[in-house]
Amino acid sequence: MKRYFFLILFISLYSVTAQEKKIDSIAKWKIHGYFSFIFNQSSFTNWSSGGQNTVAGNINVNYDLNYKNDNLNWDSRVISGYGLSYLNGNGSRKTNDRFEFNSLLGLKINEIWFFSSFVNFKTQYTKGYDYNVIPKKPVSAFLSPAYLSFGPGILWKKTDNMNLNIAPASARFTFVNDFFSGRFGVKEGSNTSFSLGFSLAGYFKFLIMENIEMENNIAIYSDYLSKPQNIDLDYQINLRFKINKNIKTHLTLHTIIDDNASSRIQFRQLFGLGLTYSFHQKTAY
């Protein structure tokens, strides 16, 4: 297993080093920051058909950095989100918890194809619980699980908003603390597991019509070393309906298939009115 790790690491580092040697003296950076706060609320007073007061808030912070020159393309993205809801009588519960970092380096073959190296890291900030059992049962925690993936591949990139990376020899590490040892594909008594597999990651953002934007993030992984037929899927759709410059209605649909985390399909949906702030910056030097 270790030789697979060192082989993938060597190939990735060699690819990155070779690509860095191609950097010209003139570089171009594009920076895009995105912040949103989504709010949902319902209240009932003497409502004959019943109902419970609820308040929910969700914060999302995304940060994109894109670097280009004649031969090199380097995209980095931070995706971060946290949400809580308060249901009268049941207290507060987590509705969203995500931190993900992606970095993708490409050496140009032609206008839309690149040799690539990628790094992906994702985890969550706080503990998560299963509220269907009493007392509530912890099901996740900070860095438990945490996933680190990297490897060489080939990138198709038409624009900053349309790309697809194919990495047929990707290394992935899963990390857990002692409490979660034996879960998320990590063997009992261990805190890490290693896998080698096929990775496909895509990002597509476009306008459906005026003032309606659709963003798609998709990641697929198959582990050659353990049950390659069980394909992991992480697919998130974000629909944004623009009311004005800083106010948008948001709809998020998020599906996860991962038999190491759950035997069932995971699904999350969020809809609400949001305050949004974004900025763009271009730098050439």
Protein backbone atom coordinates (compact mmCIF):
# COMPACT_ATOMS: atom_id res chain seq x y z
CA MET A 1 0.00 0.00 0.00
CA LYS A 2 2.83 2.38 0.86
CA ARG A 3 4.44 1.92 -2.55
CA TYR A 4 1.19 3.09 -4.20
CA PHE A 5 1.25 6.19 -2.03
CA PHE A 6 4.86 7.09 -2.84
CA LEU A 7 4.32 6.37 -6.54
CA ILE A 8 1.29 8.70 -6.74
CA LEU A 9 3.03 11.34 -4.63
CA PHE A 10 6.13 11.23 -6.84
CA ILE A 11 4.10 11.52 -10.04
CA SER A 12 2.06 14.42 -8.63
CA LEU A 13 5.09 16.33 -7.37
CA TYR A 14 6.98 15.73 -10.61
CA SER A 15 4.00 16.96 -12.62
CA VAL A 16 3.62 20.08 -10.48
CA THR A 17 7.37 20.83 -10.60
CA ALA A 18 7.50 20.36 -14.37
CA GLN A 19 4.54 22.66 -14.82
CA GLU A 20 5.99 25.37 -12.57
CA LYS A 21 9.07 25.53 -14.80
CA LYS A 22 6.79 26.66 -17.61
CA ILE A 23 5.61 29.80 -15.81
CA ASP A 24 6.27 32.94 -17.85
CA SER A 25 7.33 36.25 -16.38
CA ILE A 26 3.83 37.67 -16.96
CA ALA A 27 1.10 36.06 -14.85
CA LYS A 28 -2.60 36.78 -14.58
CA TRP A 29 -4.73 36.26 -11.46
CA LYS A 30 -8.49 36.37 -11.08
CA ILE A 31 -9.94 36.37 -7.57
CA HIS A 32 -13.62 35.87 -6.83
CA GLY A 33 -15.09 35.95 -3.33
CA TYR A 34 -18.69 35.03 -2.49
CA PHE A 35 -20.53 35.42 0.82
CA SER A 36 -24.18 34.63 1.51
CA PHE A 37 -26.48 34.43 4.49
CA ILE A 38 -29.70 32.46 3.98
CA PHE A 39 -32.55 32.89 6.46
CA ASN A 40 -35.73 30.88 7.05
CA GLN A 41 -38.33 31.56 9.71
CA SER A 42 -41.87 30.50 10.65
CA SER A 43 -43.97 31.39 13.71
CA PHE A 44 -47.43 30.45 14.98
CA THR A 45 -49.65 32.11 17.57
CA ASN A 46 -52.98 30.49 18.53
CA TRP A 47 -52.87 28.64 15.20
CA SER A 48 -55.73 26.14 15.30
CA SER A 49 -54.15 23.60 12.95
CA GLY A 50 -50.93 23.56 14.96
CA GLY A 51 -47.31 24.28 14.16
CA GLN A 52 -43.95 24.89 15.77
CA ASN A 53 -41.90 28.06 15.65
CA THR A 54 -38.67 27.60 13.68
CA VAL A 55 -35.70 29.78 12.85
CA ALA A 56 -32.86 28.72 10.56
CA GLY A 57 -29.75 30.42 9.24
CA ASN A 58 -27.06 29.28 6.86
CA ILE A 59 -23.75 31.00 6.03
CA ASN A 60 -21.72 30.19 2.92
CA VAL A 61 -18.29 31.57 2.07
CA ASN A 62 -16.65 30.60 -1.23
CA TYR A 63 -13.33 31.84 -2.53
CA ASP A 64 -11.91 31.21 -6.01
CA LEU A 65 -8.39 31.98 -7.19
CA ASN A 66 -7.57 31.45 -10.87
CA TYR A 67 -4.09 31.86 -12.35
CA LYS A 68 -3.30 31.75 -16.06
CA ASN A 69 -0.44 32.30 -18.45
CA ASP A 70 0.38 30.91 -21.88
CA ASN A 71 1.12 27.38 -20.65
CA LEU A 72 -0.23 27.10 -17.12
CA ASN A 73 -3.65 27.07 -15.49
CA TRP A 74 -4.02 26.94 -11.71
CA ASP A 75 -7.45 26.97 -10.05
CA SER A 76 -7.99 26.91 -6.29
CA ARG A 77 -11.36 26.98 -4.56
CA VAL A 78 -12.43 27.10 -0.92
CA ILE A 79 -16.02 26.04 -0.21
CA SER A 80 -17.23 26.63 3.32
CA GLY A 81 -20.66 26.56 4.90
CA TYR A 82 -22.37 26.26 8.26
CA GLY A 83 -26.04 26.29 9.21
CA LEU A 84 -28.24 25.89 12.29
CA SER A 85 -31.96 25.62 12.83
CA TYR A 86 -33.91 26.14 16.02
CA LEU A 87 -37.16 24.20 16.45
CA ASN A 88 -39.28 25.19 19.42
CA GLY A 89 -39.15 22.36 21.93
CA ASN A 90 -36.24 20.54 20.30
CA GLY A 91 -33.46 23.12 20.54
CA SER A 92 -30.87 23.85 17.86
CA ARG A 93 -29.67 21.37 15.26
CA LYS A 94 -27.04 21.55 12.57
CA THR A 95 -28.33 21.80 9.00
CA ASN A 96 -25.07 22.37 7.13
CA ASP A 97 -21.39 21.89 7.96
CA ARG A 98 -18.77 21.82 5.25
CA PHE A 99 -15.19 22.80 4.57
CA GLU A 100 -13.58 21.85 1.26
CA PHE A 101 -10.38 22.94 -0.44
CA ASN A 102 -9.62 22.15 -4.09
CA SER A 103 -6.48 22.97 -6.03
CA LEU A 104 -6.02 21.99 -9.67
CA LEU A 105 -2.88 22.68 -11.68
CA GLY A 106 -2.87 22.19 -15.46
CA LEU A 107 -0.17 22.25 -18.15
CA LYS A 108 -1.67 23.23 -21.50
CA ILE A 109 -1.88 20.66 -24.30
CA ASN A 110 -4.15 22.79 -26.49
CA GLU A 111 -6.84 25.42 -25.91
CA ILE A 112 -9.09 23.23 -23.74
CA TRP A 113 -7.00 20.20 -22.67
CA PHE A 114 -4.33 20.11 -19.95
CA PHE A 115 -2.13 17.62 -18.12
CA SER A 116 -3.19 18.07 -14.49
CA SER A 117 -2.40 17.50 -10.83
CA PHE A 118 -5.08 17.94 -8.17
CA VAL A 119 -5.40 18.12 -4.39
CA ASN A 120 -8.70 17.91 -2.53
CA PHE A 121 -9.32 18.12 1.22
CA LYS A 122 -12.70 18.10 2.92
CA THR A 123 -14.10 17.79 6.43
CA GLN A 124 -16.58 19.51 8.78
CA TYR A 125 -16.25 21.98 11.67
CA THR A 126 -18.31 20.55 14.52
CA LYS A 127 -19.89 17.38 15.88
CA GLY A 128 -22.90 15.90 14.13
CA TYR A 129 -25.58 13.76 15.78
CA ASP A 130 -28.23 11.20 14.93
CA TYR A 131 -31.39 12.59 16.52
CA ASN A 132 -33.48 9.52 15.70
CA VAL A 133 -32.10 7.73 18.77
CA ILE A 134 -32.33 8.74 22.43
CA PRO A 135 -29.94 9.86 23.72
CA LYS A 136 -28.62 11.46 20.54
CA LYS A 137 -25.66 9.63 19.03
CA PRO A 138 -22.55 11.38 17.63
CA VAL A 139 -21.95 10.48 13.98
CA SER A 140 -19.14 12.87 13.01
CA ALA A 141 -16.74 15.46 14.45
CA PHE A 142 -14.08 17.95 13.40
CA LEU A 143 -11.61 16.07 11.14
CA SER A 144 -13.61 12.87 11.69
CA PRO A 145 -13.96 12.03 8.94
CA ALA A 146 -11.51 14.07 6.89
CA TYR A 147 -10.55 13.16 3.32
CA LEU A 148 -7.35 14.01 1.47
CA SER A 149 -7.11 13.11 -2.23
CA PHE A 150 -4.46 13.85 -4.84
CA GLY A 151 -3.11 12.54 -8.13
CA PRO A 152 -2.19 13.23 -11.75
CA GLY A 153 -4.73 13.31 -14.54
CA ILE A 154 -6.06 15.19 -17.52
CA LEU A 155 -8.22 18.32 -17.44
CA TRP A 156 -10.83 19.60 -19.87
CA LYS A 157 -11.47 23.29 -19.26
CA LYS A 158 -13.52 25.46 -21.55
CA THR A 159 -13.88 28.43 -19.16
CA ASP A 160 -13.43 29.15 -15.45
CA ASN A 161 -17.05 28.06 -15.06
CA MET A 162 -16.83 24.82 -17.10
CA ASN A 163 -14.23 22.17 -16.33
CA LEU A 164 -13.86 18.43 -15.87
CA ASN A 165 -10.83 16.67 -14.37
CA ILE A 166 -10.19 12.94 -14.91
CA ALA A 167 -7.63 11.29 -12.63
CA PRO A 168 -7.42 7.50 -13.12
CA ALA A 169 -4.76 6.94 -10.40
CA SER A 170 -5.84 9.01 -7.41
CA ALA A 171 -4.66 8.42 -3.85
CA ARG A 172 -7.15 9.08 -1.05
CA PHE A 173 -6.62 9.08 2.70
CA THR A 174 -9.47 8.97 5.22
CA PHE A 175 -8.80 10.23 8.76
CA VAL A 176 -10.84 9.69 11.95
CA ASN A 177 -10.23 10.10 15.67
CA ASP A 178 -10.21 7.19 18.13
CA PHE A 179 -13.95 7.45 18.81
CA PHE A 180 -14.83 6.83 15.15
CA SER A 181 -12.17 4.17 14.51
CA GLY A 182 -13.83 1.32 12.61
CA ARG A 183 -16.13 3.63 10.64
CA PHE A 184 -15.96 5.50 7.31
CA GLY A 185 -13.88 2.71 5.77
CA VAL A 186 -11.18 2.89 8.47
CA LYS A 187 -10.34 -0.44 10.13
CA GLU A 188 -11.00 -0.92 13.84
CA GLY A 189 -8.02 0.22 15.89
CA SER A 190 -6.69 2.51 13.16
CA ASN A 191 -7.11 6.22 12.49
CA THR A 192 -6.37 6.27 8.75
CA SER A 193 -7.14 4.29 5.63
CA PHE A 194 -5.64 4.45 2.16
CA SER A 195 -7.30 3.88 -1.19
CA LEU A 196 -6.21 4.11 -4.81
CA GLY A 197 -8.85 4.70 -7.43
CA PHE A 198 -10.48 6.58 -10.27
CA SER A 199 -11.54 10.17 -9.64
CA LEU A 200 -13.71 12.46 -11.76
CA ALA A 201 -14.54 16.02 -10.67
CA GLY A 202 -16.53 18.63 -12.55
CA TYR A 203 -17.70 22.20 -12.08
CA PHE A 204 -20.34 23.81 -14.30
CA LYS A 205 -21.96 27.21 -13.75
CA PHE A 206 -24.24 28.97 -16.23
CA LEU A 207 -27.35 31.12 -16.61
CA ILE A 208 -30.58 29.20 -17.20
CA MET A 209 -32.26 32.47 -18.07
CA GLU A 210 -31.88 36.10 -17.06
CA ASN A 211 -31.37 36.42 -13.28
CA ILE A 212 -31.39 32.62 -12.71
CA GLU A 213 -27.99 31.00 -12.18
CA MET A 214 -27.29 27.29 -11.83
CA GLU A 215 -24.08 25.92 -10.29
CA ASN A 216 -23.13 22.23 -10.37
CA ASN A 217 -20.37 20.52 -8.36
CA ILE A 218 -19.88 16.80 -8.99
CA ALA A 219 -17.27 14.34 -7.69
CA ILE A 220 -17.13 10.60 -8.45
CA TYR A 221 -14.68 8.11 -6.95
CA SER A 222 -14.13 4.35 -7.33
CA ASP A 223 -11.61 2.53 -5.13
CA TYR A 224 -9.62 -0.10 -7.06
CA LEU A 225 -8.46 -1.76 -3.81
CA SER A 226 -11.86 -2.29 -2.17
CA LYS A 227 -15.25 -2.83 -3.85
CA PRO A 228 -14.61 -0.79 -7.02
CA GLN A 229 -18.23 -1.39 -8.07
CA ASN A 230 -19.41 0.76 -5.13
CA ILE A 231 -18.99 4.22 -6.65
CA ASP A 232 -18.96 7.25 -4.35
CA LEU A 233 -20.93 10.26 -5.58
CA ASP A 234 -21.04 13.81 -4.22
CA TYR A 235 -23.28 16.08 -6.30
CA GLN A 236 -24.50 19.54 -5.32
CA ILE A 237 -26.76 21.86 -7.30
CA ASN A 238 -27.11 25.53 -6.35
CA LEU A 239 -29.85 27.59 -7.96
CA ARG A 240 -29.77 31.34 -7.35
CA PHE A 241 -32.69 33.59 -8.31
CA LYS A 242 -31.54 37.21 -8.39
CA ILE A 243 -33.89 39.82 -6.94
CA ASN A 244 -31.35 42.62 -6.93
CA LYS A 245 -27.58 42.99 -6.57
CA ASN A 246 -27.44 41.80 -2.95
CA ILE A 247 -30.64 39.81 -2.42
CA LYS A 248 -31.17 36.37 -3.94
CA THR A 249 -33.39 33.37 -3.37
CA HIS A 250 -31.30 30.22 -2.96
CA LEU A 251 -32.14 26.57 -3.60
CA THR A 252 -29.55 23.89 -2.79
CA LEU A 253 -29.92 20.19 -3.63
CA HIS A 254 -27.11 17.97 -2.32
CA THR A 255 -26.81 14.20 -2.80
CA ILE A 256 -24.10 11.92 -1.39
CA ILE A 257 -23.65 8.19 -2.04
CA ASP A 258 -20.86 6.69 0.10
CA ASP A 259 -21.34 3.18 1.53
CA ASN A 260 -18.46 3.73 3.96
CA ALA A 261 -20.37 6.58 5.60
CA SER A 262 -23.95 5.33 5.20
CA SER A 263 -25.75 2.41 3.59
CA ARG A 264 -28.45 4.80 2.37
CA ILE A 265 -28.46 7.68 -0.11
CA GLN A 266 -27.89 10.97 1.71
CA PHE A 267 -29.90 13.98 0.58
CA ARG A 268 -29.99 17.60 1.76
CA GLN A 269 -32.24 20.40 0.55
CA LEU A 270 -32.14 24.07 1.49
CA PHE A 271 -34.37 26.90 0.30
CA GLY A 272 -34.46 30.45 1.55
CA LEU A 273 -33.98 34.16 1.01
CA GLY A 274 -30.38 35.26 1.16
CA LEU A 275 -28.20 38.33 1.44
CA THR A 276 -25.26 38.01 -0.95
CA TYR A 277 -22.02 39.87 -1.38
CA SER A 278 -19.45 39.04 -4.04
CA PHE A 279 -16.36 40.71 -5.46
CA HIS A 280 -14.04 40.19 -8.43
CA GLN A 281 -10.43 41.21 -8.76
CA LYS A 282 -7.98 40.84 -11.65
CA THR A 283 -4.22 41.20 -11.28
CA ALA A 284 -1.45 40.96 -13.86
CA TYR A 285 2.23 41.01 -12.94
